[in-house]
Amino acid sequence: MKNYVLLYFNKGVREDVSPEDFKSEWGNWFGSLGDKIVDAGNPFNDGGKAISKAGTMDVKDMPSTGYSIVKANSMDEALALAQGCPVINEPEGAVCVYETLPM
């Protein structure tokens, strides 16, 4: 099996979901992943920065909001796991999936 990073993006929050329900959605999803979870990860604080040769800039067009690492046999399987992520239900939510490479 390979490891895949799930990188969460979200610009807004559903106003019809309480913080308790939001936590419950995430807990249920993580529970459904079972032993596929390598690292449940953490959410990110607002105000991320990017750095390049041109300097430092704010990250605002598609801010990362957190990450997790899962194990899967293929990119297709990792995408299927990510499909149940609660962030996808957000107005502008998305999950980017990257296969990690051994170093």
PDB file of N, CA and C in Angstrom:
ATOM      1  N   MET A   1       0.834  -1.191   0.000  1.00  0.00           N
ATOM      2  CA  MET A   1       0.000   0.000   0.000  1.00  0.00           C
ATOM      3  C   MET A   1       0.874   1.247   0.000  1.00  0.00           C
ATOM      4  N   LYS A   2       0.332   2.296  -0.562  1.00  0.00           N
ATOM      5  CA  LYS A   2       1.025   3.577  -0.635  1.00  0.00           C
ATOM      6  C   LYS A   2       0.337   4.571   0.295  1.00  0.00           C
ATOM      7  N   ASN A   3       1.069   5.617   0.660  1.00  0.00           N
ATOM      8  CA  ASN A   3       0.475   6.690   1.452  1.00  0.00           C
ATOM      9  C   ASN A   3       0.039   7.824   0.537  1.00  0.00           C
ATOM     10  N   TYR A   4      -1.078   8.432   0.888  1.00  0.00           N
ATOM     11  CA  TYR A   4      -1.628   9.561   0.151  1.00  0.00           C
ATOM     12  C   TYR A   4      -1.958  10.679   1.128  1.00  0.00           C
ATOM     13  N   VAL A   5      -1.589  11.895   0.756  1.00  0.00           N
ATOM     14  CA  VAL A   5      -1.930  13.060   1.550  1.00  0.00           C
ATOM     15  C   VAL A   5      -3.244  13.613   1.013  1.00  0.00           C
ATOM     16  N   LEU A   6      -4.190  13.824   1.915  1.00  0.00           N
ATOM     17  CA  LEU A   6      -5.439  14.502   1.582  1.00  0.00           C
ATOM     18  C   LEU A   6      -5.284  15.929   2.083  1.00  0.00           C
ATOM     19  N   LEU A   7      -5.296  16.877   1.181  1.00  0.00           N
ATOM     20  CA  LEU A   7      -5.135  18.284   1.528  1.00  0.00           C
ATOM     21  C   LEU A   7      -6.489  18.955   1.366  1.00  0.00           C
ATOM     22  N   TYR A   8      -7.005  19.487   2.470  1.00  0.00           N
ATOM     23  CA  TYR A   8      -8.355  20.055   2.484  1.00  0.00           C
ATOM     24  C   TYR A   8      -8.312  21.539   2.147  1.00  0.00           C
ATOM     25  N   PHE A   9      -9.281  21.978   1.355  1.00  0.00           N
ATOM     26  CA  PHE A   9      -9.443  23.380   0.983  1.00  0.00           C
ATOM     27  C   PHE A   9     -10.873  23.792   1.275  1.00  0.00           C
ATOM     28  N   ASN A  10     -11.030  25.004   1.787  1.00  0.00           N
ATOM     29  CA  ASN A  10     -12.376  25.495   2.061  1.00  0.00           C
ATOM     30  C   ASN A  10     -12.334  26.998   2.248  1.00  0.00           C
ATOM     31  N   LYS A  11     -13.224  27.691   1.559  1.00  0.00           N
ATOM     32  CA  LYS A  11     -13.300  29.145   1.691  1.00  0.00           C
ATOM     33  C   LYS A  11     -14.439  29.581   2.600  1.00  0.00           C
ATOM     34  N   GLY A  12     -15.391  28.723   2.851  1.00  0.00           N
ATOM     35  CA  GLY A  12     -16.545  29.116   3.650  1.00  0.00           C
ATOM     36  C   GLY A  12     -17.024  27.969   4.512  1.00  0.00           C
ATOM     37  N   VAL A  13     -17.986  28.265   5.353  1.00  0.00           N
ATOM     38  CA  VAL A  13     -18.539  27.252   6.254  1.00  0.00           C
ATOM     39  C   VAL A  13     -20.050  27.250   6.108  1.00  0.00           C
ATOM     40  N   ARG A  14     -20.613  26.053   6.085  1.00  0.00           N
ATOM     41  CA  ARG A  14     -22.080  25.944   6.031  1.00  0.00           C
ATOM     42  C   ARG A  14     -22.668  26.539   7.308  1.00  0.00           C
ATOM     43  N   GLU A  15     -23.592  27.417   7.145  1.00  0.00           N
ATOM     44  CA  GLU A  15     -24.207  28.062   8.304  1.00  0.00           C
ATOM     45  C   GLU A  15     -25.307  27.216   8.919  1.00  0.00           C
ATOM     46  N   ASP A  16     -25.744  26.177   8.204  1.00  0.00           N
ATOM     47  CA  ASP A  16     -26.835  25.339   8.699  1.00  0.00           C
ATOM     48  C   ASP A  16     -26.348  24.169   9.548  1.00  0.00           C
ATOM     49  N   VAL A  17     -25.040  24.106   9.826  1.00  0.00           N
ATOM     50  CA  VAL A  17     -24.476  22.988  10.588  1.00  0.00           C
ATOM     51  C   VAL A  17     -23.819  23.544  11.850  1.00  0.00           C
ATOM     52  N   SER A  18     -24.200  22.989  12.996  1.00  0.00           N
ATOM     53  CA  SER A  18     -23.616  23.427  14.266  1.00  0.00           C
ATOM     54  C   SER A  18     -22.192  22.903  14.390  1.00  0.00           C
ATOM     55  N   PRO A  19     -21.373  23.531  15.228  1.00  0.00           N
ATOM     56  CA  PRO A  19     -20.010  23.017  15.448  1.00  0.00           C
ATOM     57  C   PRO A  19     -20.012  21.567  15.943  1.00  0.00           C
ATOM     58  N   GLU A  20     -20.991  21.192  16.754  1.00  0.00           N
ATOM     59  CA  GLU A  20     -21.077  19.816  17.251  1.00  0.00           C
ATOM     60  C   GLU A  20     -21.369  18.842  16.116  1.00  0.00           C
ATOM     61  N   ASP A  21     -22.293  19.226  15.223  1.00  0.00           N
ATOM     62  CA  ASP A  21     -22.606  18.369  14.077  1.00  0.00           C
ATOM     63  C   ASP A  21     -21.415  18.273  13.130  1.00  0.00           C
ATOM     64  N   PHE A  22     -20.697  19.385  12.971  1.00  0.00           N
ATOM     65  CA  PHE A  22     -19.517  19.408  12.112  1.00  0.00           C
ATOM     66  C   PHE A  22     -18.477  18.428  12.650  1.00  0.00           C
ATOM     67  N   LYS A  23     -18.208  18.476  13.947  1.00  0.00           N
ATOM     68  CA  LYS A  23     -17.254  17.538  14.558  1.00  0.00           C
ATOM     69  C   LYS A  23     -17.730  16.105  14.398  1.00  0.00           C
ATOM     70  N   SER A  24     -19.031  15.905  14.549  1.00  0.00           N
ATOM     71  CA  SER A  24     -19.596  14.557  14.410  1.00  0.00           C
ATOM     72  C   SER A  24     -19.412  14.028  12.989  1.00  0.00           C
ATOM     73  N   GLU A  25     -19.640  14.874  11.982  1.00  0.00           N
ATOM     74  CA  GLU A  25     -19.438  14.466  10.586  1.00  0.00           C
ATOM     75  C   GLU A  25     -18.005  13.996  10.369  1.00  0.00           C
ATOM     76  N   TRP A  26     -17.047  14.772  10.875  1.00  0.00           N
ATOM     77  CA  TRP A  26     -15.643  14.400  10.718  1.00  0.00           C
ATOM     78  C   TRP A  26     -15.335  13.118  11.475  1.00  0.00           C
ATOM     79  N   GLY A  27     -15.842  12.987  12.692  1.00  0.00           N
ATOM     80  CA  GLY A  27     -15.615  11.778  13.482  1.00  0.00           C
ATOM     81  C   GLY A  27     -16.168  10.543  12.790  1.00  0.00           C
ATOM     82  N   ASN A  28     -17.371  10.679  12.229  1.00  0.00           N
ATOM     83  CA  ASN A  28     -17.983   9.550  11.514  1.00  0.00           C
ATOM     84  C   ASN A  28     -17.171   9.168  10.286  1.00  0.00           C
ATOM     85  N   TRP A  29     -16.695  10.175   9.554  1.00  0.00           N
ATOM     86  CA  TRP A  29     -15.902   9.891   8.352  1.00  0.00           C
ATOM     87  C   TRP A  29     -14.591   9.213   8.729  1.00  0.00           C
ATOM     88  N   PHE A  30     -13.884   9.769   9.719  1.00  0.00           N
ATOM     89  CA  PHE A  30     -12.641   9.137  10.155  1.00  0.00           C
ATOM     90  C   PHE A  30     -12.901   7.708  10.614  1.00  0.00           C
ATOM     91  N   GLY A  31     -14.007   7.473  11.330  1.00  0.00           N
ATOM     92  CA  GLY A  31     -14.355   6.127  11.763  1.00  0.00           C
ATOM     93  C   GLY A  31     -14.565   5.185  10.592  1.00  0.00           C
ATOM     94  N   SER A  32     -15.143   5.710   9.507  1.00  0.00           N
ATOM     95  CA  SER A  32     -15.403   4.863   8.334  1.00  0.00           C
ATOM     96  C   SER A  32     -14.106   4.475   7.618  1.00  0.00           C
ATOM     97  N   LEU A  33     -13.047   5.253   7.812  1.00  0.00           N
ATOM     98  CA  LEU A  33     -11.773   4.955   7.158  1.00  0.00           C
ATOM     99  C   LEU A  33     -11.021   3.832   7.860  1.00  0.00           C
ATOM    100  N   GLY A  34     -11.315   3.605   9.128  1.00  0.00           N
ATOM    101  CA  GLY A  34     -10.700   2.507   9.871  1.00  0.00           C
ATOM    102  C   GLY A  34      -9.186   2.524   9.814  1.00  0.00           C
ATOM    103  N   ASP A  35      -8.599   1.383   9.455  1.00  0.00           N
ATOM    104  CA  ASP A  35      -7.145   1.253   9.461  1.00  0.00           C
ATOM    105  C   ASP A  35      -6.471   1.904   8.251  1.00  0.00           C
ATOM    106  N   LYS A  36      -7.236   2.573   7.404  1.00  0.00           N
ATOM    107  CA  LYS A  36      -6.648   3.301   6.264  1.00  0.00           C
ATOM    108  C   LYS A  36      -5.996   4.604   6.729  1.00  0.00           C
ATOM    109  N   ILE A  37      -6.337   5.070   7.937  1.00  0.00           N
ATOM    110  CA  ILE A  37      -5.764   6.303   8.473  1.00  0.00           C
ATOM    111  C   ILE A  37      -4.330   6.048   8.925  1.00  0.00           C
ATOM    112  N   VAL A  38      -3.399   6.785   8.359  1.00  0.00           N
ATOM    113  CA  VAL A  38      -2.009   6.756   8.805  1.00  0.00           C
ATOM    114  C   VAL A  38      -1.796   7.878   9.818  1.00  0.00           C
ATOM    115  N   ASP A  39      -2.334   9.057   9.486  1.00  0.00           N
ATOM    116  CA  ASP A  39      -2.247  10.238  10.345  1.00  0.00           C
ATOM    117  C   ASP A  39      -3.508  11.048  10.088  1.00  0.00           C
ATOM    118  N   ALA A  40      -4.368  11.181  11.103  1.00  0.00           N
ATOM    119  CA  ALA A  40      -5.608  11.940  10.928  1.00  0.00           C
ATOM    120  C   ALA A  40      -5.321  13.401  10.627  1.00  0.00           C
ATOM    121  N   GLY A  41      -4.135  13.867  10.981  1.00  0.00           N
ATOM    122  CA  GLY A  41      -3.742  15.231  10.650  1.00  0.00           C
ATOM    123  C   GLY A  41      -4.297  16.247  11.613  1.00  0.00           C
ATOM    124  N   ASN A  42      -4.345  17.477  11.149  1.00  0.00           N
ATOM    125  CA  ASN A  42      -4.825  18.601  11.939  1.00  0.00           C
ATOM    126  C   ASN A  42      -5.415  19.648  11.015  1.00  0.00           C
ATOM    127  N   PRO A  43      -6.327  20.443  11.565  1.00  0.00           N
ATOM    128  CA  PRO A  43      -6.768  21.608  10.801  1.00  0.00           C
ATOM    129  C   PRO A  43      -5.690  22.686  10.852  1.00  0.00           C
ATOM    130  N   PHE A  44      -5.735  23.606   9.911  1.00  0.00           N
ATOM    131  CA  PHE A  44      -4.793  24.717   9.867  1.00  0.00           C
ATOM    132  C   PHE A  44      -5.484  25.984  10.347  1.00  0.00           C
ATOM    133  N   ASN A  45      -4.717  26.876  10.929  1.00  0.00           N
ATOM    134  CA  ASN A  45      -5.209  28.186  11.310  1.00  0.00           C
ATOM    135  C   ASN A  45      -5.336  29.049  10.053  1.00  0.00           C
ATOM    136  N   ASP A  46      -6.173  30.066  10.098  1.00  0.00           N
ATOM    137  CA  ASP A  46      -6.296  31.010   8.982  1.00  0.00           C
ATOM    138  C   ASP A  46      -4.988  31.760   8.805  1.00  0.00           C
ATOM    139  N   GLY A  47      -4.793  32.324   7.651  1.00  0.00           N
ATOM    140  CA  GLY A  47      -3.665  33.211   7.431  1.00  0.00           C
ATOM    141  C   GLY A  47      -2.403  32.535   6.952  1.00  0.00           C
ATOM    142  N   GLY A  48      -2.534  31.455   6.172  1.00  0.00           N
ATOM    143  CA  GLY A  48      -1.344  30.799   5.633  1.00  0.00           C
ATOM    144  C   GLY A  48      -0.576  31.717   4.703  1.00  0.00           C
ATOM    145  N   LYS A  49       0.689  31.446   4.557  1.00  0.00           N
ATOM    146  CA  LYS A  49       1.567  32.228   3.682  1.00  0.00           C
ATOM    147  C   LYS A  49       2.234  31.303   2.679  1.00  0.00           C
ATOM    148  N   ALA A  50       2.585  31.845   1.552  1.00  0.00           N
ATOM    149  CA  ALA A  50       3.349  31.133   0.534  1.00  0.00           C
ATOM    150  C   ALA A  50       4.617  31.939   0.281  1.00  0.00           C
ATOM    151  N   ILE A  51       5.687  31.240  -0.033  1.00  0.00           N
ATOM    152  CA  ILE A  51       6.940  31.934  -0.321  1.00  0.00           C
ATOM    153  C   ILE A  51       7.498  31.422  -1.650  1.00  0.00           C
ATOM    154  N   SER A  52       8.026  32.350  -2.423  1.00  0.00           N
ATOM    155  CA  SER A  52       8.650  32.012  -3.699  1.00  0.00           C
ATOM    156  C   SER A  52       9.823  32.967  -3.908  1.00  0.00           C
ATOM    157  N   LYS A  53      10.476  32.863  -5.050  1.00  0.00           N
ATOM    158  CA  LYS A  53      11.572  33.788  -5.348  1.00  0.00           C
ATOM    159  C   LYS A  53      11.094  35.234  -5.324  1.00  0.00           C
ATOM    160  N   ALA A  54       9.816  35.433  -5.636  1.00  0.00           N
ATOM    161  CA  ALA A  54       9.261  36.783  -5.681  1.00  0.00           C
ATOM    162  C   ALA A  54       8.983  37.341  -4.285  1.00  0.00           C
ATOM    163  N   GLY A  55       9.036  36.484  -3.285  1.00  0.00           N
ATOM    164  CA  GLY A  55       8.785  36.956  -1.919  1.00  0.00           C
ATOM    165  C   GLY A  55       7.674  36.175  -1.241  1.00  0.00           C
ATOM    166  N   THR A  56       7.149  36.764  -0.182  1.00  0.00           N
ATOM    167  CA  THR A  56       6.095  36.134   0.617  1.00  0.00           C
ATOM    168  C   THR A  56       4.751  36.740   0.258  1.00  0.00           C
ATOM    169  N   MET A  57       3.727  35.889   0.201  1.00  0.00           N
ATOM    170  CA  MET A  57       2.386  36.374  -0.124  1.00  0.00           C
ATOM    171  C   MET A  57       1.353  35.626   0.713  1.00  0.00           C
ATOM    172  N   ASP A  58       0.196  36.220   0.873  1.00  0.00           N
ATOM    173  CA  ASP A  58      -0.917  35.562   1.554  1.00  0.00           C
ATOM    174  C   ASP A  58      -1.472  34.464   0.669  1.00  0.00           C
ATOM    175  N   VAL A  59      -1.999  33.422   1.299  1.00  0.00           N
ATOM    176  CA  VAL A  59      -2.706  32.367   0.571  1.00  0.00           C
ATOM    177  C   VAL A  59      -4.185  32.683   0.726  1.00  0.00           C
ATOM    178  N   LYS A  60      -4.837  33.061  -0.373  1.00  0.00           N
ATOM    179  CA  LYS A  60      -6.233  33.448  -0.235  1.00  0.00           C
ATOM    180  C   LYS A  60      -7.168  32.880  -1.291  1.00  0.00           C
ATOM    181  N   ASP A  61      -6.677  32.504  -2.456  1.00  0.00           N
ATOM    182  CA  ASP A  61      -7.572  32.016  -3.493  1.00  0.00           C
ATOM    183  C   ASP A  61      -8.138  30.638  -3.176  1.00  0.00           C
ATOM    184  N   MET A  62      -7.330  29.751  -2.660  1.00  0.00           N
ATOM    185  CA  MET A  62      -7.787  28.411  -2.296  1.00  0.00           C
ATOM    186  C   MET A  62      -7.026  27.992  -1.050  1.00  0.00           C
ATOM    187  N   PRO A  63      -7.428  28.516   0.112  1.00  0.00           N
ATOM    188  CA  PRO A  63      -6.655  28.258   1.330  1.00  0.00           C
ATOM    189  C   PRO A  63      -6.743  26.803   1.792  1.00  0.00           C
ATOM    190  N   SER A  64      -5.594  26.256   2.160  1.00  0.00           N
ATOM    191  CA  SER A  64      -5.569  24.927   2.765  1.00  0.00           C
ATOM    192  C   SER A  64      -6.141  25.058   4.174  1.00  0.00           C
ATOM    193  N   THR A  65      -6.981  24.111   4.546  1.00  0.00           N
ATOM    194  CA  THR A  65      -7.592  24.171   5.873  1.00  0.00           C
ATOM    195  C   THR A  65      -7.196  22.994   6.749  1.00  0.00           C
ATOM    196  N   GLY A  66      -6.446  22.031   6.197  1.00  0.00           N
ATOM    197  CA  GLY A  66      -5.993  20.900   6.987  1.00  0.00           C
ATOM    198  C   GLY A  66      -5.510  19.775   6.097  1.00  0.00           C
ATOM    199  N   TYR A  67      -5.105  18.677   6.753  1.00  0.00           N
ATOM    200  CA  TYR A  67      -4.584  17.538   6.004  1.00  0.00           C
ATOM    201  C   TYR A  67      -4.835  16.250   6.773  1.00  0.00           C
ATOM    202  N   SER A  68      -4.767  15.148   6.073  1.00  0.00           N
ATOM    203  CA  SER A  68      -4.721  13.803   6.650  1.00  0.00           C
ATOM    204  C   SER A  68      -3.862  12.952   5.734  1.00  0.00           C
ATOM    205  N   ILE A  69      -3.382  11.829   6.250  1.00  0.00           N
ATOM    206  CA  ILE A  69      -2.637  10.874   5.441  1.00  0.00           C
ATOM    207  C   ILE A  69      -3.339   9.529   5.558  1.00  0.00           C
ATOM    208  N   VAL A  70      -3.626   8.931   4.404  1.00  0.00           N
ATOM    209  CA  VAL A  70      -4.290   7.627   4.371  1.00  0.00           C
ATOM    210  C   VAL A  70      -3.427   6.657   3.569  1.00  0.00           C
ATOM    211  N   LYS A  71      -3.687   5.377   3.758  1.00  0.00           N
ATOM    212  CA  LYS A  71      -3.020   4.379   2.925  1.00  0.00           C
ATOM    213  C   LYS A  71      -4.058   3.763   1.997  1.00  0.00           C
ATOM    214  N   ALA A  72      -3.631   3.510   0.766  1.00  0.00           N
ATOM    215  CA  ALA A  72      -4.520   2.949  -0.243  1.00  0.00           C
ATOM    216  C   ALA A  72      -3.674   2.205  -1.271  1.00  0.00           C
ATOM    217  N   ASN A  73      -4.310   1.338  -2.016  1.00  0.00           N
ATOM    218  CA  ASN A  73      -3.613   0.562  -3.049  1.00  0.00           C
ATOM    219  C   ASN A  73      -3.380   1.343  -4.327  1.00  0.00           C
ATOM    220  N   SER A  74      -4.162   2.421  -4.536  1.00  0.00           N
ATOM    221  CA  SER A  74      -4.059   3.169  -5.788  1.00  0.00           C
ATOM    222  C   SER A  74      -4.616   4.571  -5.591  1.00  0.00           C
ATOM    223  N   MET A  75      -4.346   5.439  -6.546  1.00  0.00           N
ATOM    224  CA  MET A  75      -4.918   6.781  -6.531  1.00  0.00           C
ATOM    225  C   MET A  75      -6.438   6.701  -6.561  1.00  0.00           C
ATOM    226  N   ASP A  76      -6.987   5.788  -7.361  1.00  0.00           N
ATOM    227  CA  ASP A  76      -8.448   5.648  -7.425  1.00  0.00           C
ATOM    228  C   ASP A  76      -9.035   5.295  -6.066  1.00  0.00           C
ATOM    229  N   GLU A  77      -8.375   4.395  -5.331  1.00  0.00           N
ATOM    230  CA  GLU A  77      -8.860   4.038  -4.002  1.00  0.00           C
ATOM    231  C   GLU A  77      -8.745   5.231  -3.052  1.00  0.00           C
ATOM    232  N   ALA A  78      -7.642   5.974  -3.126  1.00  0.00           N
ATOM    233  CA  ALA A  78      -7.478   7.160  -2.277  1.00  0.00           C
ATOM    234  C   ALA A  78      -8.543   8.202  -2.592  1.00  0.00           C
ATOM    235  N   LEU A  79      -8.855   8.387  -3.870  1.00  0.00           N
ATOM    236  CA  LEU A  79      -9.918   9.329  -4.261  1.00  0.00           C
ATOM    237  C   LEU A  79     -11.274   8.875  -3.724  1.00  0.00           C
ATOM    238  N   ALA A  80     -11.519   7.576  -3.764  1.00  0.00           N
ATOM    239  CA  ALA A  80     -12.780   7.045  -3.228  1.00  0.00           C
ATOM    240  C   ALA A  80     -12.866   7.303  -1.725  1.00  0.00           C
ATOM    241  N   LEU A  81     -11.759   7.160  -1.007  1.00  0.00           N
ATOM    242  CA  LEU A  81     -11.750   7.453   0.424  1.00  0.00           C
ATOM    243  C   LEU A  81     -12.027   8.931   0.666  1.00  0.00           C
ATOM    244  N   ALA A  82     -11.426   9.786  -0.139  1.00  0.00           N
ATOM    245  CA  ALA A  82     -11.591  11.234   0.022  1.00  0.00           C
ATOM    246  C   ALA A  82     -13.004  11.689  -0.307  1.00  0.00           C
ATOM    247  N   GLN A  83     -13.696  10.929  -1.128  1.00  0.00           N
ATOM    248  CA  GLN A  83     -15.043  11.322  -1.559  1.00  0.00           C
ATOM    249  C   GLN A  83     -16.013  11.475  -0.391  1.00  0.00           C
ATOM    250  N   GLY A  84     -15.779  10.764   0.700  1.00  0.00           N
ATOM    251  CA  GLY A  84     -16.662  10.862   1.858  1.00  0.00           C
ATOM    252  C   GLY A  84     -16.308  11.974   2.816  1.00  0.00           C
ATOM    253  N   CYS A  85     -15.264  12.735   2.531  1.00  0.00           N
ATOM    254  CA  CYS A  85     -14.799  13.793   3.430  1.00  0.00           C
ATOM    255  C   CYS A  85     -15.855  14.891   3.580  1.00  0.00           C
ATOM    256  N   PRO A  86     -16.144  15.299   4.817  1.00  0.00           N
ATOM    257  CA  PRO A  86     -17.151  16.339   5.039  1.00  0.00           C
ATOM    258  C   PRO A  86     -16.835  17.677   4.388  1.00  0.00           C
ATOM    259  N   VAL A  87     -15.581  17.989   4.130  1.00  0.00           N
ATOM    260  CA  VAL A  87     -15.261  19.287   3.535  1.00  0.00           C
ATOM    261  C   VAL A  87     -15.865  19.414   2.135  1.00  0.00           C
ATOM    262  N   ILE A  88     -16.119  18.292   1.483  1.00  0.00           N
ATOM    263  CA  ILE A  88     -16.718  18.335   0.145  1.00  0.00           C
ATOM    264  C   ILE A  88     -18.133  18.906   0.195  1.00  0.00           C
ATOM    265  N   ASN A  89     -18.793  18.812   1.347  1.00  0.00           N
ATOM    266  CA  ASN A  89     -20.143  19.352   1.500  1.00  0.00           C
ATOM    267  C   ASN A  89     -20.164  20.860   1.736  1.00  0.00           C
ATOM    268  N   GLU A  90     -19.003  21.450   1.932  1.00  0.00           N
ATOM    269  CA  GLU A  90     -18.929  22.895   2.150  1.00  0.00           C
ATOM    270  C   GLU A  90     -19.173  23.626   0.832  1.00  0.00           C
ATOM    271  N   PRO A  91     -19.627  24.879   0.902  1.00  0.00           N
ATOM    272  CA  PRO A  91     -19.934  25.612  -0.336  1.00  0.00           C
ATOM    273  C   PRO A  91     -18.783  25.663  -1.335  1.00  0.00           C
ATOM    274  N   GLU A  92     -17.557  25.830  -0.836  1.00  0.00           N
ATOM    275  CA  GLU A  92     -16.402  25.890  -1.729  1.00  0.00           C
ATOM    276  C   GLU A  92     -15.318  24.942  -1.251  1.00  0.00           C
ATOM    277  N   GLY A  93     -15.715  23.749  -0.805  1.00  0.00           N
ATOM    278  CA  GLY A  93     -14.772  22.781  -0.281  1.00  0.00           C
ATOM    279  C   GLY A  93     -14.252  21.836  -1.348  1.00  0.00           C
ATOM    280  N   ALA A  94     -13.039  21.363  -1.140  1.00  0.00           N
ATOM    281  CA  ALA A  94     -12.421  20.403  -2.056  1.00  0.00           C
ATOM    282  C   ALA A  94     -11.344  19.632  -1.291  1.00  0.00           C
ATOM    283  N   VAL A  95     -11.008  18.465  -1.807  1.00  0.00           N
ATOM    284  CA  VAL A  95      -9.901  17.678  -1.267  1.00  0.00           C
ATOM    285  C   VAL A  95      -8.956  17.369  -2.422  1.00  0.00           C
ATOM    286  N   CYS A  96      -7.696  17.761  -2.261  1.00  0.00           N
ATOM    287  CA  CYS A  96      -6.659  17.388  -3.227  1.00  0.00           C
ATOM    288  C   CYS A  96      -5.953  16.161  -2.678  1.00  0.00           C
ATOM    289  N   VAL A  97      -5.672  15.208  -3.547  1.00  0.00           N
ATOM    290  CA  VAL A  97      -5.055  13.953  -3.140  1.00  0.00           C
ATOM    291  C   VAL A  97      -3.714  13.827  -3.844  1.00  0.00           C
ATOM    292  N   TYR A  98      -2.675  13.572  -3.052  1.00  0.00           N
ATOM    293  CA  TYR A  98      -1.322  13.415  -3.582  1.00  0.00           C
ATOM    294  C   TYR A  98      -0.731  12.111  -3.073  1.00  0.00           C
ATOM    295  N   GLU A  99      -0.122  11.335  -3.955  1.00  0.00           N
ATOM    296  CA  GLU A  99       0.626  10.153  -3.533  1.00  0.00           C
ATOM    297  C   GLU A  99       1.985  10.614  -3.009  1.00  0.00           C
ATOM    298  N   THR A 100       2.388  10.073  -1.859  1.00  0.00           N
ATOM    299  CA  THR A 100       3.716  10.400  -1.338  1.00  0.00           C
ATOM    300  C   THR A 100       4.742   9.480  -1.995  1.00  0.00           C
ATOM    301  N   LEU A 101       5.956   9.953  -2.103  1.00  0.00           N
ATOM    302  CA  LEU A 101       7.042   9.151  -2.659  1.00  0.00           C
ATOM    303  C   LEU A 101       8.011   8.792  -1.543  1.00  0.00           C
ATOM    304  N   PRO A 102       8.524   7.564  -1.560  1.00  0.00           N
ATOM    305  CA  PRO A 102       9.508   7.199  -0.544  1.00  0.00           C
ATOM    306  C   PRO A 102      10.795   7.984  -0.734  1.00  0.00           C
ATOM    307  N   MET A 103      11.412   8.347   0.358  1.00  0.00           N
ATOM    308  CA  MET A 103      12.675   9.106   0.295  1.00  0.00           C
ATOM    309  C   MET A 103      13.779   8.277   0.918  1.00  0.00           C
TER     310      MET A 103
END
